[in-house]
Amino acid sequence: MSMGYISRAAFVAALAALATACGSDAKTGTDSTNSPNSPGSPGSPNSPPGSPNSPGSPGGCTAPVLVGSPFGASGTATVTGTGTLPDGIADGLEVQVLVDQPSISIGVLADDLLSENDRVCGKTFKYTIHSVAAGTYRLGFDVFDTNSDSTMPKYEGEGASDFTIADGQTLNLDTVFHLTSGS
């Protein structure tokens, strides 16, 4: 279970509200009034990832590519691979990768919070987690409903087994996740 995590969607929404209050676009810092390319405008390059009108997804969505590091991490190892989510998780929800140890789960903070595609599209997604400290871990995931005011995950899960990584190592690890809780 992750602790003290706010979904990226909630963070971006708060940032966008602040930028709107100041009269600027949260991504570009430019005036967003009456702009045909403001976030969410159909066909705009700023349409939310996974929306039918987002770039590179004619009539569909694009599988997530998550790149980041565990919050507060300073290690030198990297874990990369493909994650496969359990059945029943709808497209369009926000997926977050976790690095789990027996007593704590740490969310992977995206390198670019404002432009990362983190919306579920099918069952698979790619991940690259850098700055991992040497140790033994298990990957986990949280999925958030971006249309909800709740900061609690709608689904939580983990990989089937632990992995051990050394300083400076790059580990290719494909993970099939199973649910540990969800509605």
C-alpha atoms as a PDB file:
ATOM      1  CA  MET A   1       0.000   0.000   0.000  1.00  0.00           C
ATOM      2  CA  SER A   2       1.381   3.399  -0.918  1.00  0.00           C
ATOM      3  CA  MET A   3       1.322   6.081   1.729  1.00  0.00           C
ATOM      4  CA  GLY A   4       1.060   9.834   1.281  1.00  0.00           C
ATOM      5  CA  TYR A   5       0.736   9.693  -2.495  1.00  0.00           C
ATOM      6  CA  ILE A   6      -1.339  12.135  -4.503  1.00  0.00           C
ATOM      7  CA  SER A   7      -2.162  11.036  -8.014  1.00  0.00           C
ATOM      8  CA  ARG A   8      -0.411  12.788 -10.879  1.00  0.00           C
ATOM      9  CA  ALA A   9      -3.816  13.780 -12.243  1.00  0.00           C
ATOM     10  CA  ALA A  10      -4.691  15.549  -8.980  1.00  0.00           C
ATOM     11  CA  PHE A  11      -1.300  17.306  -8.955  1.00  0.00           C
ATOM     12  CA  VAL A  12      -1.621  18.422 -12.577  1.00  0.00           C
ATOM     13  CA  ALA A  13      -5.218  19.566 -11.977  1.00  0.00           C
ATOM     14  CA  ALA A  14      -4.082  21.685  -9.017  1.00  0.00           C
ATOM     15  CA  LEU A  15      -1.230  23.110 -11.066  1.00  0.00           C
ATOM     16  CA  ALA A  16      -3.576  23.880 -13.977  1.00  0.00           C
ATOM     17  CA  ALA A  17      -6.067  25.579 -11.633  1.00  0.00           C
ATOM     18  CA  LEU A  18      -3.280  27.731 -10.248  1.00  0.00           C
ATOM     19  CA  ALA A  19      -2.068  28.623 -13.750  1.00  0.00           C
ATOM     20  CA  THR A  20      -5.615  29.414 -14.881  1.00  0.00           C
ATOM     21  CA  ALA A  21      -6.074  31.682 -11.888  1.00  0.00           C
ATOM     22  CA  CYS A  22      -2.909  33.468 -12.988  1.00  0.00           C
ATOM     23  CA  GLY A  23      -4.103  33.597 -16.629  1.00  0.00           C
ATOM     24  CA  SER A  24      -1.527  31.263 -18.148  1.00  0.00           C
ATOM     25  CA  ASP A  25      -1.319  27.767 -19.608  1.00  0.00           C
ATOM     26  CA  ALA A  26       0.193  25.333 -17.056  1.00  0.00           C
ATOM     27  CA  LYS A  27       2.372  23.598 -19.656  1.00  0.00           C
ATOM     28  CA  THR A  28       3.657  26.520 -21.702  1.00  0.00           C
ATOM     29  CA  GLY A  29       3.238  29.499 -19.399  1.00  0.00           C
ATOM     30  CA  THR A  30       1.397  31.358 -22.170  1.00  0.00           C
ATOM     31  CA  ASP A  31      -2.032  32.965 -22.129  1.00  0.00           C
ATOM     32  CA  SER A  32      -4.553  30.145 -22.572  1.00  0.00           C
ATOM     33  CA  THR A  33      -7.735  32.159 -23.116  1.00  0.00           C
ATOM     34  CA  ASN A  34      -9.527  31.212 -26.347  1.00  0.00           C
ATOM     35  CA  SER A  35      -6.570  29.118 -27.493  1.00  0.00           C
ATOM     36  CA  PRO A  36      -7.469  26.327 -29.949  1.00  0.00           C
ATOM     37  CA  ASN A  37      -4.651  24.239 -28.481  1.00  0.00           C
ATOM     38  CA  SER A  38      -5.528  24.581 -24.820  1.00  0.00           C
ATOM     39  CA  PRO A  39      -5.428  21.306 -22.865  1.00  0.00           C
ATOM     40  CA  GLY A  40      -8.364  19.107 -23.699  1.00  0.00           C
ATOM     41  CA  SER A  41      -9.346  20.845 -26.928  1.00  0.00           C
ATOM     42  CA  PRO A  42     -10.280  18.159 -29.463  1.00  0.00           C
ATOM     43  CA  GLY A  43      -7.338  17.388 -31.704  1.00  0.00           C
ATOM     44  CA  SER A  44      -4.943  19.623 -29.817  1.00  0.00           C
ATOM     45  CA  PRO A  45      -1.412  18.473 -29.113  1.00  0.00           C
ATOM     46  CA  ASN A  46      -2.237  19.022 -25.435  1.00  0.00           C
ATOM     47  CA  SER A  47      -5.200  16.619 -25.332  1.00  0.00           C
ATOM     48  CA  PRO A  48      -4.891  14.290 -22.353  1.00  0.00           C
ATOM     49  CA  PRO A  49      -2.907  11.137 -23.143  1.00  0.00           C
ATOM     50  CA  GLY A  50      -5.194   8.240 -23.951  1.00  0.00           C
ATOM     51  CA  SER A  51      -7.981  10.497 -25.199  1.00  0.00           C
ATOM     52  CA  PRO A  52      -9.326   9.732 -28.672  1.00  0.00           C
ATOM     53  CA  ASN A  53      -7.724  12.929 -29.947  1.00  0.00           C
ATOM     54  CA  SER A  54      -4.283  12.681 -28.397  1.00  0.00           C
ATOM     55  CA  PRO A  55      -1.305  12.708 -30.777  1.00  0.00           C
ATOM     56  CA  GLY A  56      -0.355   9.377 -32.278  1.00  0.00           C
ATOM     57  CA  SER A  57      -3.622   7.674 -31.401  1.00  0.00           C
ATOM     58  CA  PRO A  58      -6.110   7.985 -34.255  1.00  0.00           C
ATOM     59  CA  GLY A  59      -9.425   6.978 -32.689  1.00  0.00           C
ATOM     60  CA  GLY A  60      -7.703   5.100 -29.850  1.00  0.00           C
ATOM     61  CA  CYS A  61      -5.201   5.406 -27.069  1.00  0.00           C
ATOM     62  CA  THR A  62      -1.477   4.903 -26.617  1.00  0.00           C
ATOM     63  CA  ALA A  63       0.020   2.400 -24.185  1.00  0.00           C
ATOM     64  CA  PRO A  64       1.721   4.156 -21.258  1.00  0.00           C
ATOM     65  CA  VAL A  65       5.475   4.641 -21.082  1.00  0.00           C
ATOM     66  CA  LEU A  66       6.436   5.447 -17.487  1.00  0.00           C
ATOM     67  CA  VAL A  67       9.894   6.901 -16.841  1.00  0.00           C
ATOM     68  CA  GLY A  68      11.021   8.144 -13.450  1.00  0.00           C
ATOM     69  CA  SER A  69      12.624   7.360 -10.118  1.00  0.00           C
ATOM     70  CA  PRO A  70      11.335   6.353  -6.701  1.00  0.00           C
ATOM     71  CA  PHE A  71      10.510   9.456  -4.692  1.00  0.00           C
ATOM     72  CA  GLY A  72      13.640  10.589  -2.857  1.00  0.00           C
ATOM     73  CA  ALA A  73      15.851   7.915  -4.450  1.00  0.00           C
ATOM     74  CA  SER A  74      19.561   8.380  -5.056  1.00  0.00           C
ATOM     75  CA  GLY A  75      20.720   4.928  -6.187  1.00  0.00           C
ATOM     76  CA  THR A  76      22.510   4.083  -9.427  1.00  0.00           C
ATOM     77  CA  ALA A  77      20.575   1.065 -10.716  1.00  0.00           C
ATOM     78  CA  THR A  78      17.826   0.973 -13.364  1.00  0.00           C
ATOM     79  CA  VAL A  79      14.889  -1.396 -13.834  1.00  0.00           C
ATOM     80  CA  THR A  80      13.211  -1.456 -17.226  1.00  0.00           C
ATOM     81  CA  GLY A  81      10.585  -3.676 -18.798  1.00  0.00           C
ATOM     82  CA  THR A  82       6.966  -4.261 -19.693  1.00  0.00           C
ATOM     83  CA  GLY A  83       4.223  -4.498 -17.098  1.00  0.00           C
ATOM     84  CA  THR A  84       1.051  -6.488 -17.692  1.00  0.00           C
ATOM     85  CA  LEU A  85      -1.986  -5.409 -15.680  1.00  0.00           C
ATOM     86  CA  PRO A  86      -4.710  -7.811 -14.493  1.00  0.00           C
ATOM     87  CA  ASP A  87      -7.941  -8.143 -16.461  1.00  0.00           C
ATOM     88  CA  GLY A  88     -10.762  -5.714 -15.769  1.00  0.00           C
ATOM     89  CA  ILE A  89      -8.883  -2.400 -15.482  1.00  0.00           C
ATOM     90  CA  ALA A  90     -10.494   0.099 -17.839  1.00  0.00           C
ATOM     91  CA  ASP A  91      -8.623   2.219 -20.357  1.00  0.00           C
ATOM     92  CA  GLY A  92      -8.167   5.860 -19.386  1.00  0.00           C
ATOM     93  CA  LEU A  93      -7.402   5.326 -15.694  1.00  0.00           C
ATOM     94  CA  GLU A  94      -4.048   6.571 -14.338  1.00  0.00           C
ATOM     95  CA  VAL A  95      -1.406   3.931 -13.611  1.00  0.00           C
ATOM     96  CA  GLN A  96       1.430   4.495 -11.114  1.00  0.00           C
ATOM     97  CA  VAL A  97       4.379   2.114 -10.652  1.00  0.00           C
ATOM     98  CA  LEU A  98       5.619   1.414  -7.121  1.00  0.00           C
ATOM     99  CA  VAL A  99       8.884   0.021  -5.805  1.00  0.00           C
ATOM    100  CA  ASP A 100       7.916  -2.164  -2.837  1.00  0.00           C
ATOM    101  CA  GLN A 101       9.941  -3.391   0.119  1.00  0.00           C
ATOM    102  CA  PRO A 102       8.457  -5.413   2.982  1.00  0.00           C
ATOM    103  CA  SER A 103       7.489  -2.389   5.075  1.00  0.00           C
ATOM    104  CA  ILE A 104       7.011   0.403   2.512  1.00  0.00           C
ATOM    105  CA  SER A 105       5.926   1.134  -1.049  1.00  0.00           C
ATOM    106  CA  ILE A 106       7.456   4.121  -2.808  1.00  0.00           C
ATOM    107  CA  GLY A 107       5.794   5.668  -5.849  1.00  0.00           C
ATOM    108  CA  VAL A 108       7.872   6.276  -8.953  1.00  0.00           C
ATOM    109  CA  LEU A 109       7.869  10.006  -9.626  1.00  0.00           C
ATOM    110  CA  ALA A 110       7.758  10.770 -13.347  1.00  0.00           C
ATOM    111  CA  ASP A 111      10.703  12.654 -14.832  1.00  0.00           C
ATOM    112  CA  ASP A 112       8.207  14.935 -16.613  1.00  0.00           C
ATOM    113  CA  LEU A 113       5.018  15.261 -14.582  1.00  0.00           C
ATOM    114  CA  LEU A 114       3.218  17.390 -17.146  1.00  0.00           C
ATOM    115  CA  SER A 115       3.681  15.334 -20.276  1.00  0.00           C
ATOM    116  CA  GLU A 116       4.016  11.693 -19.286  1.00  0.00           C
ATOM    117  CA  ASN A 117       1.479   9.309 -20.760  1.00  0.00           C
ATOM    118  CA  ASP A 118       0.264   7.385 -17.719  1.00  0.00           C
ATOM    119  CA  ARG A 119      -3.232   6.399 -18.824  1.00  0.00           C
ATOM    120  CA  VAL A 120      -4.111   2.710 -19.072  1.00  0.00           C
ATOM    121  CA  CYS A 121      -4.525   1.589 -22.692  1.00  0.00           C
ATOM    122  CA  GLY A 122      -4.904  -2.160 -22.877  1.00  0.00           C
ATOM    123  CA  LYS A 123      -3.143  -4.450 -20.432  1.00  0.00           C
ATOM    124  CA  THR A 124       0.522  -3.547 -20.989  1.00  0.00           C
ATOM    125  CA  PHE A 125       2.767  -0.570 -20.357  1.00  0.00           C
ATOM    126  CA  LYS A 126       6.511   0.109 -20.523  1.00  0.00           C
ATOM    127  CA  TYR A 127       8.512   1.358 -17.554  1.00  0.00           C
ATOM    128  CA  THR A 128      12.018   2.595 -16.823  1.00  0.00           C
ATOM    129  CA  ILE A 129      12.799   3.216 -13.162  1.00  0.00           C
ATOM    130  CA  HIS A 130      16.182   4.818 -12.552  1.00  0.00           C
ATOM    131  CA  SER A 131      18.034   5.897  -9.392  1.00  0.00           C
ATOM    132  CA  VAL A 132      17.159   2.620  -7.646  1.00  0.00           C
ATOM    133  CA  ALA A 133      19.388   1.759  -4.674  1.00  0.00           C
ATOM    134  CA  ALA A 134      20.940  -1.695  -4.474  1.00  0.00           C
ATOM    135  CA  GLY A 135      18.587  -4.089  -2.716  1.00  0.00           C
ATOM    136  CA  THR A 136      15.690  -6.507  -3.035  1.00  0.00           C
ATOM    137  CA  TYR A 137      12.329  -5.197  -4.203  1.00  0.00           C
ATOM    138  CA  ARG A 138       9.007  -6.125  -5.738  1.00  0.00           C
ATOM    139  CA  LEU A 139       7.226  -3.925  -8.275  1.00  0.00           C
ATOM    140  CA  GLY A 140       3.700  -2.829  -7.532  1.00  0.00           C
ATOM    141  CA  PHE A 141       1.085  -0.613  -9.101  1.00  0.00           C
ATOM    142  CA  ASP A 142      -1.729   1.714  -8.143  1.00  0.00           C
ATOM    143  CA  VAL A 143      -4.486   2.725 -10.554  1.00  0.00           C
ATOM    144  CA  PHE A 144      -6.438   5.920  -9.930  1.00  0.00           C
ATOM    145  CA  ASP A 145      -9.792   7.032 -11.295  1.00  0.00           C
ATOM    146  CA  THR A 146      -9.022  10.472 -12.712  1.00  0.00           C
ATOM    147  CA  ASN A 147     -12.743  11.338 -12.702  1.00  0.00           C
ATOM    148  CA  SER A 148     -12.947  10.894  -8.935  1.00  0.00           C
ATOM    149  CA  ASP A 149     -12.061  13.320  -6.159  1.00  0.00           C
ATOM    150  CA  SER A 150     -10.597  10.431  -4.174  1.00  0.00           C
ATOM    151  CA  THR A 151      -6.836  10.284  -3.662  1.00  0.00           C
ATOM    152  CA  MET A 152      -7.103   6.557  -2.883  1.00  0.00           C
ATOM    153  CA  PRO A 153      -6.253   4.036  -5.611  1.00  0.00           C
ATOM    154  CA  LYS A 154      -9.131   2.261  -7.326  1.00  0.00           C
ATOM    155  CA  TYR A 155      -6.905  -0.807  -7.846  1.00  0.00           C
ATOM    156  CA  GLU A 156      -3.675  -1.946  -6.206  1.00  0.00           C
ATOM    157  CA  GLY A 157      -1.458  -4.831  -7.158  1.00  0.00           C
ATOM    158  CA  GLU A 158       2.019  -6.305  -7.242  1.00  0.00           C
ATOM    159  CA  GLY A 159       4.307  -8.529  -9.236  1.00  0.00           C
ATOM    160  CA  ALA A 160       4.553 -12.218  -8.430  1.00  0.00           C
ATOM    161  CA  SER A 161       8.146 -12.213  -7.193  1.00  0.00           C
ATOM    162  CA  ASP A 162      10.954 -10.141  -5.730  1.00  0.00           C
ATOM    163  CA  PHE A 163      14.062  -9.075  -7.636  1.00  0.00           C
ATOM    164  CA  THR A 164      17.520  -8.110  -6.437  1.00  0.00           C
ATOM    165  CA  ILE A 165      19.519  -5.350  -8.088  1.00  0.00           C
ATOM    166  CA  ALA A 166      23.116  -4.166  -7.592  1.00  0.00           C
ATOM    167  CA  ASP A 167      24.570  -0.654  -7.778  1.00  0.00           C
ATOM    168  CA  GLY A 168      25.005   0.464 -11.383  1.00  0.00           C
ATOM    169  CA  GLN A 169      23.070  -2.521 -12.763  1.00  0.00           C
ATOM    170  CA  THR A 170      20.411  -2.237 -15.484  1.00  0.00           C
ATOM    171  CA  LEU A 171      17.870  -5.008 -15.018  1.00  0.00           C
ATOM    172  CA  ASN A 172      15.388  -5.933 -17.742  1.00  0.00           C
ATOM    173  CA  LEU A 173      12.369  -7.210 -15.857  1.00  0.00           C
ATOM    174  CA  ASP A 174       8.971  -7.902 -17.393  1.00  0.00           C
ATOM    175  CA  THR A 175       6.298  -8.079 -14.690  1.00  0.00           C
ATOM    176  CA  VAL A 176       2.856  -9.683 -14.701  1.00  0.00           C
ATOM    177  CA  PHE A 177       0.879  -7.967 -11.958  1.00  0.00           C
ATOM    178  CA  HIS A 178      -1.977  -9.378  -9.873  1.00  0.00           C
ATOM    179  CA  LEU A 179      -4.543  -7.471  -7.847  1.00  0.00           C
ATOM    180  CA  THR A 180      -4.136  -7.118  -4.103  1.00  0.00           C
ATOM    181  CA  SER A 181      -7.169  -4.836  -3.740  1.00  0.00           C
ATOM    182  CA  GLY A 182      -9.607  -3.045  -5.977  1.00  0.00           C
ATOM    183  CA  SER A 183     -13.165  -2.100  -6.627  1.00  0.00           C
END
